[in-house]
Amino acid sequence: MMRPLFFIAALVGASSASLAQDKPADPGRDLVMQKCAQCHTDSIWRDQRQNAAAWEATAYRMMARGSIWTTDEVKNMAAFLGREFGPDVPRAKPQQR
């Protein structure tokens, strides 16, 4: 019965590794990791490439589905995602293993 928990932990760990990338602390990134990575892998924000306003709308749609966030948390997450994964931000090249 531990396999589903291990799988979820592995997904969250993989997501956090791809977001961290040796960057300074960012409250928006921390919130995305705490709030969004519970249900989503990092491909959800890497692939959508939206500006901050669109990310904010996405966050409010998630709230309509049951997420509980404050207005400040939504704004911080949207600002981070728009800045790091916006439509004008070049995509990172896959890392070699």
N, C-alpha and C. Protein backbone atom coordinates (compact mmCIF):
# COMPACT_ATOMS: atom_id res chain seq x y z
N MET A 1 0.81 -1.21 0.00
CA MET A 1 0.00 0.00 0.00
C MET A 1 0.85 1.26 0.00
N MET A 2 2.14 1.17 0.18
CA MET A 2 2.99 2.34 0.22
C MET A 2 3.35 2.84 -1.17
N ARG A 3 3.10 2.07 -2.20
CA ARG A 3 3.51 2.47 -3.54
C ARG A 3 2.87 3.78 -4.00
N PRO A 4 1.55 4.00 -3.84
CA PRO A 4 1.01 5.29 -4.29
C PRO A 4 1.66 6.48 -3.58
N LEU A 5 1.93 6.36 -2.29
CA LEU A 5 2.56 7.46 -1.56
C LEU A 5 3.97 7.69 -2.08
N PHE A 6 4.69 6.63 -2.36
CA PHE A 6 6.04 6.77 -2.89
C PHE A 6 6.00 7.45 -4.25
N PHE A 7 5.06 7.05 -5.10
CA PHE A 7 4.92 7.64 -6.42
C PHE A 7 4.66 9.13 -6.34
N ILE A 8 3.75 9.54 -5.46
CA ILE A 8 3.44 10.96 -5.29
C ILE A 8 4.67 11.71 -4.78
N ALA A 9 5.37 11.15 -3.83
CA ALA A 9 6.58 11.79 -3.30
C ALA A 9 7.63 11.93 -4.40
N ALA A 10 7.74 10.93 -5.27
CA ALA A 10 8.71 11.01 -6.36
C ALA A 10 8.34 12.11 -7.35
N LEU A 11 7.06 12.25 -7.65
CA LEU A 11 6.62 13.31 -8.56
C LEU A 11 6.91 14.69 -7.99
N VAL A 12 6.58 14.88 -6.73
CA VAL A 12 6.82 16.18 -6.11
C VAL A 12 8.31 16.46 -6.05
N GLY A 13 9.11 15.47 -5.75
CA GLY A 13 10.55 15.65 -5.71
C GLY A 13 11.10 16.02 -7.08
N ALA A 14 10.61 15.38 -8.12
CA ALA A 14 11.06 15.71 -9.48
C ALA A 14 10.63 17.12 -9.85
N SER A 15 9.44 17.51 -9.48
CA SER A 15 8.97 18.86 -9.79
C SER A 15 9.80 19.90 -9.09
N SER A 16 10.09 19.67 -7.81
CA SER A 16 10.85 20.67 -7.06
C SER A 16 12.27 20.79 -7.61
N ALA A 17 12.84 19.70 -8.07
CA ALA A 17 14.19 19.76 -8.63
C ALA A 17 14.22 20.60 -9.89
N SER A 18 13.21 20.47 -10.74
CA SER A 18 13.22 21.23 -11.99
C SER A 18 12.91 22.70 -11.76
N LEU A 19 12.21 23.03 -10.68
CA LEU A 19 11.90 24.44 -10.40
C LEU A 19 13.04 25.13 -9.68
N ALA A 20 13.76 24.43 -8.84
CA ALA A 20 14.77 25.06 -7.99
C ALA A 20 15.91 25.65 -8.82
N GLN A 21 16.57 24.85 -9.62
CA GLN A 21 17.63 25.25 -10.53
C GLN A 21 18.57 26.31 -9.95
N ASP A 22 18.95 26.17 -8.71
CA ASP A 22 19.94 27.05 -8.08
C ASP A 22 19.59 28.53 -8.17
N LYS A 23 18.31 28.88 -8.03
CA LYS A 23 17.87 30.27 -8.05
C LYS A 23 17.62 30.72 -6.62
N PRO A 24 17.68 32.03 -6.39
CA PRO A 24 17.41 32.52 -5.03
C PRO A 24 15.97 32.25 -4.62
N ALA A 25 15.73 32.33 -3.33
CA ALA A 25 14.38 32.07 -2.80
C ALA A 25 13.37 32.99 -3.46
N ASP A 26 12.20 32.45 -3.73
CA ASP A 26 11.13 33.21 -4.36
C ASP A 26 9.81 32.75 -3.71
N PRO A 27 9.07 33.66 -3.08
CA PRO A 27 7.83 33.25 -2.41
C PRO A 27 6.83 32.64 -3.39
N GLY A 28 6.78 33.13 -4.62
CA GLY A 28 5.86 32.56 -5.61
C GLY A 28 6.22 31.13 -5.94
N ARG A 29 7.52 30.86 -6.14
CA ARG A 29 7.98 29.50 -6.43
C ARG A 29 7.69 28.58 -5.25
N ASP A 30 7.94 29.07 -4.05
CA ASP A 30 7.68 28.26 -2.86
C ASP A 30 6.20 27.90 -2.77
N LEU A 31 5.33 28.86 -3.07
CA LEU A 31 3.90 28.60 -3.03
C LEU A 31 3.48 27.60 -4.10
N VAL A 32 4.04 27.74 -5.31
CA VAL A 32 3.72 26.79 -6.38
C VAL A 32 4.11 25.39 -5.94
N MET A 33 5.27 25.25 -5.33
CA MET A 33 5.72 23.94 -4.88
C MET A 33 4.83 23.40 -3.76
N GLN A 34 4.41 24.26 -2.86
CA GLN A 34 3.56 23.82 -1.75
C GLN A 34 2.13 23.54 -2.20
N LYS A 35 1.60 24.38 -3.05
CA LYS A 35 0.18 24.32 -3.38
C LYS A 35 -0.11 23.54 -4.66
N CYS A 36 0.64 23.78 -5.70
CA CYS A 36 0.32 23.19 -7.01
C CYS A 36 0.91 21.79 -7.19
N ALA A 37 2.13 21.59 -6.67
CA ALA A 37 2.81 20.31 -6.87
C ALA A 37 2.18 19.19 -6.07
N GLN A 38 1.19 19.50 -5.26
CA GLN A 38 0.45 18.44 -4.58
C GLN A 38 -0.32 17.60 -5.59
N CYS A 39 -0.80 18.24 -6.66
CA CYS A 39 -1.62 17.55 -7.66
C CYS A 39 -0.99 17.50 -9.05
N HIS A 40 -0.10 18.45 -9.35
CA HIS A 40 0.44 18.58 -10.70
C HIS A 40 1.94 18.34 -10.73
N THR A 41 2.42 17.81 -11.86
CA THR A 41 3.87 17.78 -12.10
C THR A 41 4.25 19.11 -12.73
N ASP A 42 5.53 19.37 -12.85
CA ASP A 42 5.96 20.65 -13.39
C ASP A 42 5.65 20.82 -14.87
N SER A 43 5.27 19.77 -15.55
CA SER A 43 4.93 19.91 -16.98
C SER A 43 3.70 20.79 -17.17
N ILE A 44 2.84 20.89 -16.18
CA ILE A 44 1.63 21.71 -16.30
C ILE A 44 2.00 23.17 -16.50
N TRP A 45 3.01 23.67 -15.81
CA TRP A 45 3.37 25.08 -15.99
C TRP A 45 4.45 25.25 -17.06
N ARG A 46 5.25 24.23 -17.31
CA ARG A 46 6.25 24.34 -18.38
C ARG A 46 5.57 24.38 -19.75
N ASP A 47 4.48 23.64 -19.90
CA ASP A 47 3.83 23.52 -21.21
C ASP A 47 2.82 24.62 -21.50
N GLN A 48 2.19 25.21 -20.50
CA GLN A 48 1.13 26.18 -20.76
C GLN A 48 1.63 27.54 -21.21
N ARG A 49 2.76 28.01 -20.69
CA ARG A 49 3.40 29.26 -21.13
C ARG A 49 2.42 30.43 -21.19
N GLN A 50 1.87 30.81 -20.06
CA GLN A 50 0.90 31.89 -19.97
C GLN A 50 1.51 33.11 -19.28
N ASN A 51 0.91 34.29 -19.51
CA ASN A 51 1.34 35.47 -18.78
C ASN A 51 0.72 35.45 -17.38
N ALA A 52 1.11 36.40 -16.54
CA ALA A 52 0.66 36.40 -15.14
C ALA A 52 -0.86 36.48 -15.02
N ALA A 53 -1.52 37.26 -15.87
CA ALA A 53 -2.98 37.38 -15.81
C ALA A 53 -3.65 36.03 -16.11
N ALA A 54 -3.13 35.32 -17.09
CA ALA A 54 -3.70 34.01 -17.42
C ALA A 54 -3.43 33.00 -16.32
N TRP A 55 -2.24 33.07 -15.69
CA TRP A 55 -1.95 32.18 -14.57
C TRP A 55 -2.87 32.48 -13.40
N GLU A 56 -3.16 33.74 -13.18
CA GLU A 56 -4.07 34.11 -12.11
C GLU A 56 -5.47 33.53 -12.37
N ALA A 57 -5.93 33.63 -13.61
CA ALA A 57 -7.23 33.05 -13.97
C ALA A 57 -7.21 31.53 -13.76
N THR A 58 -6.10 30.90 -14.10
CA THR A 58 -5.97 29.45 -13.89
C THR A 58 -6.06 29.13 -12.40
N ALA A 59 -5.40 29.93 -11.57
CA ALA A 59 -5.45 29.70 -10.12
C ALA A 59 -6.88 29.84 -9.60
N TYR A 60 -7.60 30.81 -10.08
CA TYR A 60 -8.98 30.97 -9.63
C TYR A 60 -9.86 29.82 -10.11
N ARG A 61 -9.56 29.25 -11.28
CA ARG A 61 -10.29 28.05 -11.71
C ARG A 61 -10.00 26.89 -10.78
N MET A 62 -8.76 26.80 -10.32
CA MET A 62 -8.41 25.74 -9.37
C MET A 62 -9.14 25.95 -8.03
N MET A 63 -9.31 27.20 -7.66
CA MET A 63 -10.06 27.49 -6.43
C MET A 63 -11.51 27.06 -6.58
N ALA A 64 -12.08 27.22 -7.77
CA ALA A 64 -13.45 26.77 -8.00
C ALA A 64 -13.56 25.25 -7.91
N ARG A 65 -12.42 24.58 -8.07
CA ARG A 65 -12.39 23.11 -7.96
C ARG A 65 -11.98 22.64 -6.58
N GLY A 66 -11.78 23.58 -5.64
CA GLY A 66 -11.52 23.17 -4.27
C GLY A 66 -10.23 23.64 -3.65
N SER A 67 -9.34 24.24 -4.42
CA SER A 67 -8.10 24.77 -3.82
C SER A 67 -8.44 25.94 -2.91
N ILE A 68 -7.69 26.05 -1.83
CA ILE A 68 -7.92 27.13 -0.88
C ILE A 68 -6.65 27.97 -0.80
N TRP A 69 -6.71 29.17 -1.40
CA TRP A 69 -5.58 30.09 -1.43
C TRP A 69 -6.07 31.48 -1.11
N THR A 70 -5.19 32.30 -0.59
CA THR A 70 -5.52 33.70 -0.38
C THR A 70 -5.27 34.48 -1.67
N THR A 71 -5.79 35.68 -1.73
CA THR A 71 -5.56 36.54 -2.90
C THR A 71 -4.07 36.81 -3.09
N ASP A 72 -3.37 37.05 -1.98
CA ASP A 72 -1.92 37.30 -2.07
C ASP A 72 -1.18 36.07 -2.60
N GLU A 73 -1.58 34.88 -2.16
CA GLU A 73 -0.93 33.66 -2.66
C GLU A 73 -1.14 33.52 -4.16
N VAL A 74 -2.37 33.77 -4.62
CA VAL A 74 -2.66 33.67 -6.05
C VAL A 74 -1.80 34.66 -6.82
N LYS A 75 -1.71 35.89 -6.35
CA LYS A 75 -0.92 36.91 -7.05
C LYS A 75 0.56 36.53 -7.08
N ASN A 76 1.10 36.03 -5.97
CA ASN A 76 2.51 35.62 -5.93
C ASN A 76 2.78 34.45 -6.87
N MET A 77 1.89 33.45 -6.85
CA MET A 77 2.08 32.30 -7.74
C MET A 77 1.98 32.73 -9.20
N ALA A 78 0.98 33.55 -9.53
CA ALA A 78 0.80 34.00 -10.91
C ALA A 78 1.99 34.84 -11.39
N ALA A 79 2.50 35.70 -10.53
CA ALA A 79 3.66 36.52 -10.89
C ALA A 79 4.88 35.64 -11.17
N PHE A 80 5.11 34.67 -10.31
CA PHE A 80 6.24 33.75 -10.51
C PHE A 80 6.08 32.97 -11.81
N LEU A 81 4.91 32.36 -12.01
CA LEU A 81 4.70 31.54 -13.20
C LEU A 81 4.78 32.38 -14.48
N GLY A 82 4.24 33.58 -14.45
CA GLY A 82 4.32 34.45 -15.63
C GLY A 82 5.74 34.87 -15.94
N ARG A 83 6.52 35.11 -14.88
CA ARG A 83 7.91 35.55 -15.04
C ARG A 83 8.80 34.38 -15.51
N GLU A 84 8.58 33.20 -14.97
CA GLU A 84 9.46 32.06 -15.26
C GLU A 84 8.95 31.17 -16.40
N PHE A 85 7.63 31.16 -16.62
CA PHE A 85 7.05 30.27 -17.62
C PHE A 85 6.05 31.01 -18.50
N GLY A 86 6.32 32.28 -18.76
CA GLY A 86 5.45 33.09 -19.60
C GLY A 86 5.65 32.79 -21.07
N PRO A 87 4.81 33.37 -21.91
CA PRO A 87 4.89 33.09 -23.35
C PRO A 87 6.16 33.61 -24.01
N ASP A 88 6.80 34.61 -23.43
CA ASP A 88 8.02 35.18 -24.02
C ASP A 88 9.31 34.65 -23.40
N VAL A 89 9.18 33.75 -22.46
CA VAL A 89 10.36 33.19 -21.78
C VAL A 89 10.87 32.00 -22.59
N PRO A 90 12.14 32.01 -22.98
CA PRO A 90 12.68 30.87 -23.75
C PRO A 90 12.58 29.58 -22.94
N ARG A 91 12.27 28.53 -23.62
CA ARG A 91 12.18 27.22 -22.96
C ARG A 91 13.58 26.73 -22.62
N ALA A 92 13.68 26.13 -21.45
CA ALA A 92 14.97 25.55 -21.04
C ALA A 92 15.24 24.29 -21.84
N LYS A 93 16.47 24.08 -22.18
CA LYS A 93 16.84 22.86 -22.88
C LYS A 93 16.84 21.71 -21.88
N PRO A 94 16.44 20.53 -22.31
CA PRO A 94 16.45 19.37 -21.40
C PRO A 94 17.86 19.10 -20.90
N GLN A 95 17.96 18.73 -19.65
CA GLN A 95 19.26 18.44 -19.07
C GLN A 95 19.71 17.04 -19.50
N GLN A 96 21.00 16.93 -19.79
CA GLN A 96 21.58 15.64 -20.13
C GLN A 96 21.77 14.83 -18.86
N ARG A 97 21.53 13.57 -18.92
CA ARG A 97 21.73 12.70 -17.75
C ARG A 97 22.92 11.82 -17.95
